[in-house]
N, C-alpha and C. Protein backbone atom coordinates (compact mmCIF):
# COMPACT_ATOMS: atom_id res chain seq x y z
N UNK A 1 1.26 -0.94 0.00
CA UNK A 1 -0.32 0.00 0.23
C UNK A 1 0.66 1.26 0.10
N UNK A 2 1.91 1.15 0.67
CA UNK A 2 2.74 2.63 1.06
C UNK A 2 3.74 3.33 -0.27
N UNK A 3 4.15 1.39 -1.12
CA UNK A 3 4.77 1.49 -2.61
C UNK A 3 3.54 2.14 -3.50
N UNK A 4 2.22 1.70 -3.51
CA UNK A 4 1.16 2.35 -4.18
C UNK A 4 1.24 3.41 -3.70
N UNK A 5 1.54 4.24 -3.28
CA UNK A 5 0.91 5.92 -2.35
C UNK A 5 2.38 6.63 -2.98
N UNK A 6 3.17 5.67 -2.78
CA UNK A 6 4.61 6.48 -3.05
C UNK A 6 5.05 6.80 -4.75
N UNK A 7 3.66 6.04 -5.46
CA UNK A 7 4.50 5.74 -6.79
C UNK A 7 3.02 7.15 -7.57
N UNK A 8 1.39 7.34 -6.91
CA UNK A 8 0.69 8.23 -6.90
C UNK A 8 0.96 9.60 -6.52
N UNK A 9 -0.61 10.28 -6.67
CA UNK A 9 0.00 11.64 -6.35
C UNK A 9 0.27 11.10 -4.40
N UNK A 10 0.86 13.01 -4.08
CA UNK A 10 1.17 12.69 -2.51
C UNK A 10 0.10 12.84 -2.09
N UNK A 11 -0.59 12.67 -1.27
CA UNK A 11 -1.92 12.77 -0.01
C UNK A 11 -1.82 13.83 1.59
N UNK A 12 -2.48 14.21 1.59
CA UNK A 12 -2.57 15.08 2.88
C UNK A 12 -3.15 13.61 3.79
N UNK A 13 -2.15 13.50 4.61
CA UNK A 13 -3.40 12.28 5.22
C UNK A 13 -3.44 12.26 6.99
N UNK A 14 -4.69 12.63 7.70
CA UNK A 14 -4.79 12.25 9.14
C UNK A 14 -5.40 11.03 9.53
N UNK A 15 -4.64 10.84 10.73
CA UNK A 15 -4.36 9.49 11.79
C UNK A 15 -4.73 10.06 12.23
N UNK A 16 -6.32 9.50 13.30
CA UNK A 16 -6.65 9.69 14.30
C UNK A 16 -7.23 8.55 15.21
N UNK A 17 -6.84 8.75 16.33
CA UNK A 17 -7.40 7.71 17.51
C UNK A 17 -7.29 8.01 18.69
N UNK A 18 -8.21 7.55 19.21
CA UNK A 18 -8.24 8.31 20.89
C UNK A 18 -6.56 7.51 22.04
N UNK A 19 -5.45 6.71 21.04
CA UNK A 19 -4.18 6.51 21.48
C UNK A 19 -3.44 6.59 20.91
N UNK A 20 -2.06 7.45 21.33
CA UNK A 20 -1.19 7.75 20.91
C UNK A 20 -0.66 8.34 22.12
N UNK A 21 0.59 8.63 21.72
CA UNK A 21 1.89 8.91 22.16
C UNK A 21 1.09 9.87 22.84
N UNK A 22 1.51 10.35 24.68
CA UNK A 22 2.23 9.98 25.59
C UNK A 22 1.72 8.45 25.52
N UNK A 23 0.74 8.21 25.76
CA UNK A 23 0.40 6.37 26.11
C UNK A 23 1.04 6.00 25.14
N UNK A 24 1.51 4.32 26.19
CA UNK A 24 2.50 3.42 25.26
C UNK A 24 1.41 2.46 25.05
N UNK A 25 2.01 2.08 23.91
CA UNK A 25 0.88 0.97 23.20
C UNK A 25 1.30 -0.02 21.76
N UNK A 26 1.10 -1.20 21.07
CA UNK A 26 1.27 -1.10 19.77
C UNK A 26 0.48 -0.11 18.81
N UNK A 27 -0.41 0.04 19.49
CA UNK A 27 -1.71 1.32 18.55
C UNK A 27 -0.71 2.24 18.25
N UNK A 28 -0.30 2.72 19.86
CA UNK A 28 0.52 3.92 19.45
C UNK A 28 1.51 4.53 18.44
N UNK A 29 1.93 3.30 18.83
CA UNK A 29 3.89 2.57 18.11
C UNK A 29 3.31 2.68 15.93
N UNK A 30 2.41 1.92 16.04
CA UNK A 30 1.76 1.61 14.93
C UNK A 30 1.71 2.90 14.55
N UNK A 31 0.58 3.78 14.75
CA UNK A 31 0.34 5.04 14.57
C UNK A 31 1.74 6.42 13.74
N UNK A 32 2.58 5.94 14.49
CA UNK A 32 3.76 6.64 14.74
C UNK A 32 4.42 6.50 13.72
N UNK A 33 5.40 5.16 13.87
CA UNK A 33 5.65 4.62 12.89
C UNK A 33 5.29 4.76 11.51
N UNK A 34 4.14 4.68 11.16
CA UNK A 34 3.67 4.41 10.01
C UNK A 34 3.86 6.20 9.30
N UNK A 35 3.61 7.38 10.19
CA UNK A 35 2.89 8.32 10.23
C UNK A 35 4.79 8.48 9.51
N UNK A 36 5.90 8.34 10.20
CA UNK A 36 7.06 8.89 10.07
C UNK A 36 7.71 8.13 8.40
N UNK A 37 6.95 7.14 8.42
CA UNK A 37 7.52 6.62 6.78
C UNK A 37 6.52 6.96 5.36
N UNK A 38 5.21 8.07 5.88
CA UNK A 38 4.39 7.87 5.20
C UNK A 38 5.81 9.76 5.02
N UNK A 39 5.47 10.04 5.81
CA UNK A 39 6.33 11.64 5.51
C UNK A 39 7.76 10.82 4.53
N UNK A 40 8.50 10.37 4.90
CA UNK A 40 9.37 9.85 4.43
C UNK A 40 9.93 10.28 2.98
N UNK A 41 8.14 9.46 2.89
CA UNK A 41 7.46 8.99 0.92
C UNK A 41 7.08 10.58 0.67
N UNK A 42 7.21 11.30 1.64
CA UNK A 42 6.50 12.81 0.78
C UNK A 42 5.24 13.54 1.39
N UNK A 43 4.40 12.58 1.29
CA UNK A 43 2.92 13.06 2.06
C UNK A 43 3.15 13.53 3.09
N UNK A 44 1.35 14.07 3.39
CA UNK A 44 1.62 15.15 4.78
C UNK A 44 0.79 14.33 5.66
N UNK A 45 1.28 14.16 6.91
CA UNK A 45 1.04 13.34 7.66
C UNK A 45 0.64 14.00 9.12
N UNK A 46 -0.70 14.64 9.10
CA UNK A 46 -1.25 14.76 10.88
C UNK A 46 -1.72 14.12 11.77
N UNK A 47 -2.07 13.81 12.61
CA UNK A 47 -2.16 13.12 14.03
C UNK A 47 -3.59 13.54 14.96
N UNK A 48 -4.42 13.29 14.57
CA UNK A 48 -5.49 13.82 15.73
C UNK A 48 -5.99 12.89 16.78
N UNK A 49 -5.94 13.10 18.40
CA UNK A 49 -6.01 12.48 19.43
C UNK A 49 -6.14 13.52 20.49
N UNK A 50 -7.34 12.43 21.11
CA UNK A 50 -7.41 13.66 22.32
C UNK A 50 -5.96 13.61 23.17
N UNK A 51 -6.33 15.34 24.33
CA UNK A 51 -5.15 15.47 25.36
C UNK A 51 -4.62 14.40 26.09
N UNK A 52 -3.03 14.44 26.33
CA UNK A 52 -2.74 13.87 27.54
C UNK A 52 -2.70 14.58 29.07
N UNK A 53 -3.20 14.80 29.91
CA UNK A 53 -2.93 15.72 31.11
C UNK A 53 -2.68 17.28 30.45
N UNK A 54 -1.45 17.91 30.56
CA UNK A 54 -1.37 18.74 30.50
C UNK A 54 -0.46 19.30 29.11
N UNK A 55 -0.87 17.85 27.73
CA UNK A 55 -0.72 17.99 26.89
C UNK A 55 -2.05 18.12 25.62
N UNK A 56 -1.87 19.44 24.80
CA UNK A 56 -3.03 19.40 24.72
C UNK A 56 -3.12 20.80 23.71
N UNK A 57 -3.35 21.24 23.02
CA UNK A 57 -3.11 21.59 21.93
C UNK A 57 -2.37 21.53 20.36
N UNK A 58 -1.56 22.14 20.11
CA UNK A 58 -0.38 21.73 18.77
C UNK A 58 0.64 21.00 18.99
N UNK A 59 1.00 19.97 18.98
CA UNK A 59 2.73 19.91 18.88
C UNK A 59 3.31 19.36 17.68
N UNK A 60 5.03 18.96 17.80
CA UNK A 60 5.27 18.56 16.81
C UNK A 60 6.41 17.54 17.02
N UNK A 61 6.71 16.95 16.52
CA UNK A 61 7.30 15.83 16.68
C UNK A 61 7.94 14.77 15.50
N UNK A 62 9.24 14.29 16.17
CA UNK A 62 10.76 14.19 15.71
C UNK A 62 9.82 13.87 14.19
N UNK A 63 11.28 14.28 13.20
CA UNK A 63 10.65 14.31 12.18
C UNK A 63 9.29 15.25 11.32
N UNK A 64 9.08 16.15 12.34
CA UNK A 64 7.75 17.31 11.34
C UNK A 64 6.81 16.53 11.91
N UNK A 65 6.21 15.38 12.46
CA UNK A 65 4.71 15.31 12.61
C UNK A 65 4.05 15.63 13.54
N UNK A 66 2.85 16.54 13.15
CA UNK A 66 2.04 17.66 13.73
C UNK A 66 0.82 16.58 13.87
N UNK A 67 0.59 16.76 15.93
CA UNK A 67 -0.31 16.74 16.47
C UNK A 67 -0.86 17.35 16.80
N UNK A 68 -2.44 17.40 16.81
CA UNK A 68 -3.45 17.56 17.58
C UNK A 68 -4.13 17.01 18.64
N UNK A 69 -3.49 17.70 19.85
CA UNK A 69 -4.02 17.46 21.22
C UNK A 69 -5.85 17.54 21.84
N UNK A 70 -6.49 17.42 21.35
CA UNK A 70 -7.43 18.13 21.12
C UNK A 70 -8.22 18.12 22.91
N UNK A 71 -8.93 19.59 23.14
CA UNK A 71 -8.70 19.44 24.60
C UNK A 71 -9.89 18.71 25.59
N UNK A 72 -10.43 17.22 24.70
CA UNK A 72 -11.10 16.34 25.52
C UNK A 72 -10.85 15.61 26.37
N UNK A 73 -10.78 15.03 27.40
CA UNK A 73 -10.70 14.06 28.44
C UNK A 73 -11.17 13.19 28.33
N UNK A 74 -10.85 12.18 28.95
CA UNK A 74 -11.26 10.90 28.29
C UNK A 74 -12.08 10.79 29.37
N UNK A 75 -13.12 9.13 29.27
CA UNK A 75 -13.78 9.42 30.34
C UNK A 75 -13.98 7.68 30.75
N UNK A 76 -13.32 6.54 29.55
CA UNK A 76 -13.68 5.37 29.79
C UNK A 76 -12.77 4.77 29.17
N UNK A 77 -11.24 3.88 29.62
CA UNK A 77 -10.60 3.83 29.26
C UNK A 77 -9.99 4.41 28.25
N UNK A 78 -9.16 5.22 28.35
CA UNK A 78 -8.73 6.50 27.49
C UNK A 78 -9.41 6.69 26.27
N UNK A 79 -11.19 6.75 26.65
CA UNK A 79 -11.69 6.68 25.03
C UNK A 79 -12.34 8.34 25.65
N UNK A 80 -12.63 9.42 24.70
CA UNK A 80 -13.45 10.10 24.60
C UNK A 80 -14.72 9.93 24.31
N UNK A 81 -15.78 10.94 25.11
CA UNK A 81 -17.03 10.59 25.04
C UNK A 81 -18.01 10.72 23.42
N UNK A 82 -18.29 10.02 23.22
CA UNK A 82 -19.13 9.89 21.65
C UNK A 82 -19.90 10.58 21.89
N UNK A 83 -19.88 12.48 21.19
CA UNK A 83 -20.91 12.93 21.00
C UNK A 83 -20.73 13.97 19.49
N UNK A 84 -21.18 12.99 18.62
CA UNK A 84 -20.67 13.68 17.60
C UNK A 84 -21.39 15.00 17.15
N UNK A 85 -22.37 15.35 17.38
CA UNK A 85 -22.51 16.63 16.93
C UNK A 85 -21.42 18.20 17.60
N UNK A 86 -20.98 17.37 18.83
CA UNK A 86 -20.21 18.46 20.12
C UNK A 86 -18.84 18.11 18.67
N UNK A 87 -18.19 16.88 18.38
CA UNK A 87 -17.57 17.02 17.25
C UNK A 87 -17.07 17.51 16.21
N UNK A 88 -17.81 17.47 15.76
CA UNK A 88 -17.39 17.86 14.32
C UNK A 88 -17.10 19.33 14.13
N UNK A 89 -17.61 20.71 14.19
CA UNK A 89 -16.89 21.67 14.19
C UNK A 89 -15.07 21.82 14.50
N UNK A 90 -14.61 20.89 15.10
CA UNK A 90 -13.08 20.96 15.56
C UNK A 90 -12.67 19.78 14.01
N UNK A 91 -13.21 19.05 14.54
CA UNK A 91 -13.09 17.77 13.07
C UNK A 91 -13.35 18.46 12.23
N UNK A 92 -13.96 18.94 11.40
CA UNK A 92 -14.17 20.08 10.63
C UNK A 92 -12.93 20.83 9.66
N UNK A 93 -12.98 21.61 10.55
CA UNK A 93 -11.70 22.71 11.33
C UNK A 93 -10.21 21.71 10.36
N UNK A 94 -9.94 20.83 11.14
CA UNK A 94 -8.80 20.15 11.35
C UNK A 94 -8.56 19.61 9.75
N UNK A 95 -9.63 19.22 8.99
CA UNK A 95 -9.87 18.16 7.58
C UNK A 95 -10.03 19.75 6.79
N UNK A 96 -10.17 20.33 6.97
CA UNK A 96 -10.12 22.01 5.69
C UNK A 96 -8.76 22.66 5.75
N UNK A 97 -8.78 22.91 7.28
CA UNK A 97 -7.50 23.67 7.09
C UNK A 97 -5.94 22.73 6.92
N UNK A 98 -5.89 21.38 7.25
CA UNK A 98 -4.13 20.59 6.87
C UNK A 98 -5.10 20.28 5.14
N UNK A 99 -5.95 20.29 4.84
CA UNK A 99 -6.13 20.18 3.31
C UNK A 99 -6.01 18.91 3.54
N UNK A 100 -6.71 17.86 3.85
CA UNK A 100 -7.06 16.72 4.03
C UNK A 100 -7.23 16.05 2.96
N UNK A 101 -7.00 14.53 2.31
CA UNK A 101 -7.25 14.03 1.43
C UNK A 101 -7.80 12.49 1.32
N UNK A 102 -7.15 12.17 3.09
CA UNK A 102 -8.21 10.87 2.92
C UNK A 102 -7.60 10.39 4.32
N UNK A 103 -8.78 10.03 5.31
CA UNK A 103 -8.78 10.40 6.16
C UNK A 103 -8.37 8.70 7.34
N UNK A 104 -7.34 8.17 7.93
CA UNK A 104 -6.99 6.95 8.42
C UNK A 104 -7.55 6.47 10.03
N UNK A 105 -9.07 5.74 10.40
CA UNK A 105 -8.95 5.21 11.79
C UNK A 105 -7.86 4.14 12.31
N UNK A 106 -7.53 4.45 13.33
CA UNK A 106 -7.47 3.18 14.33
C UNK A 106 -8.04 3.06 15.00
N UNK A 107 -8.14 1.52 15.06
CA UNK A 107 -8.38 1.22 16.81
C UNK A 107 -10.20 0.65 16.82
N UNK A 108 -10.67 -0.50 16.77
CA UNK A 108 -12.54 -0.16 17.07
C UNK A 108 -12.51 0.03 18.48
N UNK A 109 -11.99 0.31 18.89
CA UNK A 109 -12.70 0.24 20.63
C UNK A 109 -12.28 2.40 20.84
N UNK A 110 -11.67 2.64 19.60
CA UNK A 110 -11.56 4.11 19.87
C UNK A 110 -12.78 4.84 19.40
N UNK A 111 -13.11 5.69 20.52
CA UNK A 111 -14.37 6.17 19.48
C UNK A 111 -14.23 7.67 18.70
N UNK A 112 -13.10 8.55 19.23
CA UNK A 112 -13.08 9.45 18.77
C UNK A 112 -12.64 8.61 16.67
N UNK A 113 -12.03 7.41 16.83
CA UNK A 113 -11.53 7.21 15.17
C UNK A 113 -13.11 7.05 14.77
N UNK A 114 -14.28 5.87 15.28
CA UNK A 114 -15.54 6.00 15.13
C UNK A 114 -15.94 7.39 14.65
N UNK A 115 -15.83 8.66 15.42
CA UNK A 115 -17.17 9.62 15.60
C UNK A 115 -15.75 10.48 14.48
N UNK A 116 -14.81 10.68 13.95
CA UNK A 116 -13.80 11.45 12.70
C UNK A 116 -14.02 10.76 11.14
N UNK A 117 -14.17 8.93 11.40
CA UNK A 117 -14.55 8.49 9.89
C UNK A 117 -15.89 8.34 10.04
N UNK A 118 -16.79 9.49 10.58
CA UNK A 118 -18.56 9.28 10.02
C UNK A 118 -18.60 10.67 9.51
N UNK A 119 -17.90 11.49 10.16
CA UNK A 119 -17.80 13.23 9.85
C UNK A 119 -17.09 13.01 8.68
N UNK A 120 -15.65 12.37 8.53
CA UNK A 120 -15.16 12.63 7.16
C UNK A 120 -16.07 12.05 5.75
N UNK A 121 -16.90 11.55 5.85
CA UNK A 121 -17.57 10.38 4.86
C UNK A 121 -18.63 11.41 5.03
N UNK A 122 -19.16 12.37 5.59
CA UNK A 122 -20.20 12.80 5.88
C UNK A 122 -19.39 14.46 4.84
N UNK A 123 -18.77 14.78 4.96
CA UNK A 123 -17.47 15.67 4.09
C UNK A 123 -17.60 15.29 2.67
N UNK A 124 -17.80 13.75 2.13
CA UNK A 124 -16.63 13.77 0.96
C UNK A 124 -15.67 12.90 1.56
N UNK A 125 -15.23 12.69 2.44
CA UNK A 125 -13.35 12.56 2.18
C UNK A 125 -13.52 10.39 2.24
N UNK A 126 -11.91 9.72 1.54
CA UNK A 126 -12.44 8.76 1.35
C UNK A 126 -11.47 8.38 3.07
N UNK A 127 -12.05 7.93 2.96
CA UNK A 127 -11.68 7.07 5.05
C UNK A 127 -10.93 5.72 4.71
N UNK A 128 -10.00 5.09 5.43
CA UNK A 128 -9.76 4.05 6.31
C UNK A 128 -9.30 3.89 6.63
N UNK A 129 -9.85 2.22 7.48
CA UNK A 129 -9.95 1.95 9.27
C UNK A 129 -9.15 1.05 9.25
N UNK A 130 -7.90 0.63 10.01
CA UNK A 130 -7.41 -0.60 10.88
C UNK A 130 -7.78 -0.77 12.11
N UNK A 131 -7.66 -2.00 11.70
CA UNK A 131 -8.75 -2.85 12.97
C UNK A 131 -7.04 -3.32 13.75
N UNK A 132 -6.67 -3.54 14.66
CA UNK A 132 -5.55 -4.40 15.30
C UNK A 132 -5.94 -4.87 16.33
N UNK A 133 -6.77 -5.69 16.91
CA UNK A 133 -7.08 -6.66 17.32
C UNK A 133 -8.31 -7.90 16.95
N UNK A 134 -8.33 -8.63 17.92
CA UNK A 134 -9.25 -9.61 17.78
C UNK A 134 -10.06 -9.19 19.12
N UNK A 135 -11.75 -9.38 18.71
CA UNK A 135 -12.59 -9.08 19.84
C UNK A 135 -14.34 -10.27 19.34
N UNK A 136 -14.38 -10.30 20.73
CA UNK A 136 -15.08 -11.33 20.60
C UNK A 136 -16.53 -11.59 20.26
N UNK A 137 -17.89 -11.86 20.19
CA UNK A 137 -18.89 -12.31 19.90
C UNK A 137 -19.77 -12.21 21.20
N UNK A 138 -19.58 -12.90 22.33
CA UNK A 138 -20.50 -13.18 23.37
C UNK A 138 -20.38 -12.05 24.76
N UNK A 139 -19.62 -11.63 25.02
CA UNK A 139 -19.64 -10.81 26.06
C UNK A 139 -20.41 -8.94 25.55
N UNK A 140 -20.64 -8.90 27.26
CA UNK A 140 -21.83 -6.88 26.50
C UNK A 140 -20.85 -6.18 25.76
N UNK A 141 -20.00 -5.98 26.24
CA UNK A 141 -19.08 -5.13 25.42
C UNK A 141 -18.75 -5.60 23.78
N UNK A 142 -18.01 -6.75 23.94
CA UNK A 142 -18.29 -7.27 21.93
C UNK A 142 -19.46 -6.97 21.25
N UNK A 143 -20.54 -7.49 21.86
CA UNK A 143 -21.52 -7.11 21.67
C UNK A 143 -22.36 -6.07 20.75
N UNK A 144 -21.98 -5.16 21.72
CA UNK A 144 -22.31 -3.67 21.82
C UNK A 144 -20.66 -3.12 20.54
N UNK A 145 -19.97 -3.28 20.59
CA UNK A 145 -18.52 -2.57 19.65
C UNK A 145 -18.75 -3.29 18.50
N UNK A 146 -19.86 -4.67 18.69
CA UNK A 146 -19.56 -4.78 17.05
C UNK A 146 -20.80 -4.00 16.00
N UNK A 147 -22.27 -3.41 16.84
CA UNK A 147 -22.63 -3.16 16.81
C UNK A 147 -22.11 -1.75 16.20
N UNK A 148 -22.29 -1.15 16.78
CA UNK A 148 -21.39 0.27 16.28
C UNK A 148 -20.16 -0.14 15.81
N UNK A 149 -19.38 -1.52 14.84
CA UNK A 149 -18.51 -0.92 13.75
C UNK A 149 -19.77 -1.50 12.09
N UNK A 150 -20.93 -2.05 12.67
CA UNK A 150 -21.68 -2.26 11.66
C UNK A 150 -22.25 -0.79 11.13
N UNK A 151 -22.11 -0.23 12.14
CA UNK A 151 -22.72 1.11 11.94
C UNK A 151 -22.46 2.65 11.27
N UNK A 152 -20.88 2.47 11.86
CA UNK A 152 -19.57 3.18 10.88
C UNK A 152 -18.86 3.05 10.31
N UNK A 153 -18.09 1.38 10.16
CA UNK A 153 -17.75 1.18 9.03
C UNK A 153 -18.40 0.64 7.78
N UNK A 154 -19.99 1.29 7.58
CA UNK A 154 -20.61 0.88 6.73
C UNK A 154 -20.72 1.40 5.08
N UNK A 155 -19.73 2.92 5.21
CA UNK A 155 -19.15 3.47 4.28
C UNK A 155 -18.10 3.96 3.75
N UNK A 156 -16.88 2.90 4.81
CA UNK A 156 -15.47 3.12 4.66
C UNK A 156 -14.61 3.03 3.03
N UNK A 157 -13.72 3.44 2.95
CA UNK A 157 -13.42 2.77 1.65
C UNK A 157 -12.69 2.17 1.85
N UNK A 158 -11.76 1.67 2.55
CA UNK A 158 -11.26 0.15 2.45
C UNK A 158 -10.58 0.52 4.11
N UNK A 159 -10.56 -1.32 4.66
CA UNK A 159 -10.21 -1.55 5.65
C UNK A 159 -8.88 -2.51 5.54
N UNK A 160 -8.10 -2.33 7.37
CA UNK A 160 -7.02 -3.21 6.91
C UNK A 160 -6.77 -4.23 8.13
N UNK A 161 -6.24 -5.29 8.34
CA UNK A 161 -5.59 -5.54 9.39
C UNK A 161 -4.79 -6.48 9.51
N UNK A 162 -4.60 -6.91 10.48
CA UNK A 162 -3.09 -7.16 10.76
C UNK A 162 -2.77 -8.68 10.48
N UNK A 163 -3.60 -9.72 10.56
CA UNK A 163 -3.59 -10.64 10.32
C UNK A 163 -4.57 -11.52 9.49
N UNK A 164 -4.46 -12.28 9.01
CA UNK A 164 -5.84 -13.29 8.35
C UNK A 164 -6.37 -13.54 9.50
N UNK A 165 -6.64 -13.64 10.38
CA UNK A 165 -7.23 -14.21 12.12
C UNK A 165 -7.82 -13.02 12.01
N UNK A 166 -7.36 -11.98 11.82
CA UNK A 166 -7.76 -10.76 12.57
C UNK A 166 -8.97 -9.74 10.73
N UNK A 167 -8.43 -10.45 10.13
CA UNK A 167 -9.58 -10.00 8.98
C UNK A 167 -10.62 -11.00 9.14
N UNK A 168 -10.72 -12.33 9.46
CA UNK A 168 -11.99 -12.94 9.54
C UNK A 168 -13.52 -12.12 10.43
N UNK A 169 -12.07 -11.69 11.58
CA UNK A 169 -12.75 -11.25 12.93
C UNK A 169 -13.33 -10.63 12.46
N UNK A 170 -12.90 -9.02 11.29
CA UNK A 170 -13.10 -7.73 11.21
C UNK A 170 -14.24 -8.14 10.17
N UNK A 171 -14.94 -8.48 9.48
CA UNK A 171 -15.64 -9.37 8.56
C UNK A 171 -16.62 -9.32 8.86
N UNK A 172 -16.34 -10.35 9.93
CA UNK A 172 -18.49 -11.32 10.86
C UNK A 172 -18.40 -9.97 11.64
N UNK A 173 -18.00 -9.37 12.24
CA UNK A 173 -17.95 -8.63 13.52
C UNK A 173 -18.30 -7.69 12.69
N UNK A 174 -18.02 -6.97 11.84
CA UNK A 174 -18.88 -5.64 10.49
C UNK A 174 -19.60 -5.55 9.59
N UNK A 175 -19.60 -6.83 9.31
CA UNK A 175 -20.01 -7.43 7.65
C UNK A 175 -19.63 -6.26 6.77
N UNK A 176 -18.66 -5.81 6.57
CA UNK A 176 -17.72 -5.53 5.71
C UNK A 176 -17.10 -7.00 4.71
N UNK A 177 -18.20 -6.42 3.09
CA UNK A 177 -17.34 -7.15 2.16
C UNK A 177 -16.16 -7.89 2.01
N UNK A 178 -15.56 -8.96 1.85
CA UNK A 178 -14.43 -8.99 2.72
C UNK A 178 -13.19 -8.58 1.37
N UNK A 179 -13.60 -8.30 0.11
CA UNK A 179 -12.57 -8.09 -0.80
C UNK A 179 -12.48 -6.49 -0.20
N UNK A 180 -13.07 -5.89 0.84
CA UNK A 180 -12.90 -4.12 0.91
C UNK A 180 -11.67 -4.28 2.24
N UNK A 181 -11.40 -5.25 2.82
CA UNK A 181 -10.11 -5.90 3.27
C UNK A 181 -9.20 -6.04 3.39
N UNK A 182 -8.21 -5.05 3.71
CA UNK A 182 -6.59 -6.04 3.06
C UNK A 182 -6.02 -6.30 4.66
N UNK A 183 -4.68 -7.23 3.83
CA UNK A 183 -4.40 -7.78 5.43
C UNK A 183 -2.21 -7.01 5.86
N UNK A 184 -2.44 -6.31 6.21
CA UNK A 184 -0.90 -6.11 6.66
C UNK A 184 -0.24 -6.74 7.69
N UNK A 185 0.62 -7.57 7.87
CA UNK A 185 0.48 -8.06 8.95
C UNK A 185 1.52 -7.27 9.39
N UNK A 186 1.58 -7.27 11.13
CA UNK A 186 3.06 -6.35 12.21
C UNK A 186 4.00 -7.00 11.50
N UNK A 187 5.47 -5.98 11.83
CA UNK A 187 6.53 -6.95 11.45
C UNK A 187 7.42 -6.10 12.54
N UNK A 188 8.78 -6.99 12.55
CA UNK A 188 9.55 -6.41 13.37
C UNK A 188 10.70 -5.22 13.29
N UNK A 189 11.18 -4.38 13.44
CA UNK A 189 11.76 -3.61 12.25
C UNK A 189 13.26 -3.99 13.18
N UNK A 190 13.99 -4.89 12.31
CA UNK A 190 15.41 -5.25 12.76
C UNK A 190 16.26 -4.06 12.60
N UNK A 191 16.10 -3.00 12.60
CA UNK A 191 17.29 -1.74 12.71
C UNK A 191 17.43 -1.10 14.60
N UNK A 192 15.68 -2.00 15.66
CA UNK A 192 15.69 -1.98 16.08
C UNK A 192 15.59 -2.62 16.94
N UNK A 193 15.57 -4.11 16.62
CA UNK A 193 15.81 -4.93 17.56
C UNK A 193 16.35 -6.14 16.57
N UNK A 194 17.26 -6.90 17.59
CA UNK A 194 18.07 -7.60 16.49
C UNK A 194 18.85 -8.89 17.90
N UNK A 195 17.98 -10.16 16.61
CA UNK A 195 19.17 -11.14 17.66
C UNK A 195 20.35 -11.35 18.77
N UNK A 196 20.23 -12.13 19.69
CA UNK A 196 20.84 -12.01 20.87
C UNK A 196 21.96 -12.27 20.44
N UNK A 197 22.99 -11.79 20.15
CA UNK A 197 25.05 -12.27 20.16
C UNK A 197 25.08 -13.77 20.73
N UNK A 198 24.70 -14.07 21.51
CA UNK A 198 25.29 -15.47 22.04
C UNK A 198 24.20 -16.26 22.24
N UNK A 199 23.42 -16.81 21.44
CA UNK A 199 22.63 -17.79 21.34
C UNK A 199 21.86 -18.42 23.41
N UNK A 200 21.13 -18.58 23.23
CA UNK A 200 20.02 -19.35 24.83
C UNK A 200 21.17 -20.67 24.81
N UNK A 201 21.10 -20.80 26.12
CA UNK A 201 21.45 -22.70 26.62
C UNK A 201 19.97 -23.38 25.92
N UNK A 202 20.31 -24.66 25.03
CA UNK A 202 19.41 -25.22 25.04
C UNK A 202 19.08 -26.36 25.31
N UNK A 203 19.43 -26.37 27.28
CA UNK A 203 19.13 -27.04 28.23
C UNK A 203 17.79 -26.85 29.16
N UNK A 204 17.29 -25.72 28.92
CA UNK A 204 15.45 -25.53 29.57
C UNK A 204 15.15 -24.54 28.31
N UNK A 205 13.22 -24.91 28.55
CA UNK A 205 12.99 -24.04 27.77
C UNK A 205 12.40 -22.66 28.03
N UNK A 206 12.67 -21.33 27.63
CA UNK A 206 12.62 -20.42 27.31
C UNK A 206 10.97 -20.15 27.18
N UNK A 207 9.83 -19.12 27.89
CA UNK A 207 8.97 -19.03 26.85
C UNK A 207 9.30 -17.37 27.21
N UNK A 208 8.50 -16.37 26.29
CA UNK A 208 9.03 -15.27 26.40
C UNK A 208 7.25 -14.71 25.73
N UNK A 209 6.49 -13.65 26.40
CA UNK A 209 5.21 -13.53 26.38
C UNK A 209 5.64 -11.54 26.14
N UNK A 210 5.28 -11.01 24.62
CA UNK A 210 5.07 -9.72 24.90
C UNK A 210 3.94 -9.18 24.19
N UNK A 211 3.04 -8.71 25.48
CA UNK A 211 1.29 -8.74 25.41
C UNK A 211 1.29 -8.18 27.22
N UNK A 212 0.15 -7.29 27.13
CA UNK A 212 -0.61 -7.14 27.99
C UNK A 212 -1.40 -7.79 28.45
N UNK A 213 -1.53 -8.30 29.85
CA UNK A 213 -1.66 -9.14 30.42
C UNK A 213 -3.34 -9.09 30.55
N UNK A 214 -4.10 -9.03 29.53
CA UNK A 214 -5.36 -9.13 30.30
C UNK A 214 -6.31 -10.71 28.72
N UNK A 215 -7.80 -10.68 29.40
CA UNK A 215 -8.11 -11.95 29.23
C UNK A 215 -8.50 -11.94 27.65
N UNK A 216 -8.09 -10.58 26.38
CA UNK A 216 -9.06 -11.03 25.08
C UNK A 216 -7.79 -11.70 24.63
N UNK A 217 -6.29 -11.41 25.34
CA UNK A 217 -5.17 -12.01 24.96
C UNK A 217 -4.48 -13.27 24.94
N UNK A 218 -5.18 -13.84 25.71
CA UNK A 218 -5.35 -15.33 25.94
C UNK A 218 -4.49 -15.83 27.41
N UNK A 219 -4.51 -14.54 28.39
CA UNK A 219 -3.46 -14.55 29.54
C UNK A 219 -3.97 -16.00 30.67
N UNK A 220 -4.88 -16.48 30.62
CA UNK A 220 -5.96 -17.76 31.29
C UNK A 220 -5.18 -18.77 30.37
N UNK A 221 -4.99 -19.22 29.32
CA UNK A 221 -4.01 -19.81 28.32
C UNK A 221 -2.72 -19.95 28.59
N UNK A 222 -1.93 -18.99 28.81
CA UNK A 222 -0.43 -18.79 29.27
C UNK A 222 -0.62 -19.10 30.40
N UNK A 223 -1.57 -18.99 31.35
CA UNK A 223 -1.17 -19.63 32.58
C UNK A 223 -1.31 -20.92 33.24
N UNK A 224 -2.11 -21.15 32.14
CA UNK A 224 -2.58 -23.17 32.27
C UNK A 224 -1.19 -24.18 31.50
């Protein structure tokens, strides 16, 4: 996808999610490094997220990445309150001011992502959604979120998932046509993470898990 964008016209891209630095996690890293790569290819990239503590307003990060920390406080799990009409003026202002041509929302559980995608489609912008996680079908939270997905993703231009299993999960939950959903697997940056110079001993089995210890990531299976 990045290669195709490099060969075509330059875009002004708005990345949107409730989850971004200084908060730390996989979604946050993904947005930051994807934005840096797109900047290096000559595209304009702007990030929109909610305020974190006293970090509010416009900030610039390494490489010239511009971030709008909107002065909205999170109310649950670092998510902003989903007020569709209250968020339209500032989202519209950013879209017009930055001459945005593509809106890219990240993560199913980000209310800011869903609100921005809906406003962008209302204004006629192309929108892309990336789902970073697997979610269930039986618990109350997942049932509610799946209904929201069917509503907000009904008119997206394309969707991206990080694995083929994630694609199947997203297609089932959102009702998106499979041909609209693309798989771009997560990768390891070998410039930052390299194999150990000395091989570990073969006398014992060492299991390394890099993940948050939450139920939906299989912590119960790990304990067993």
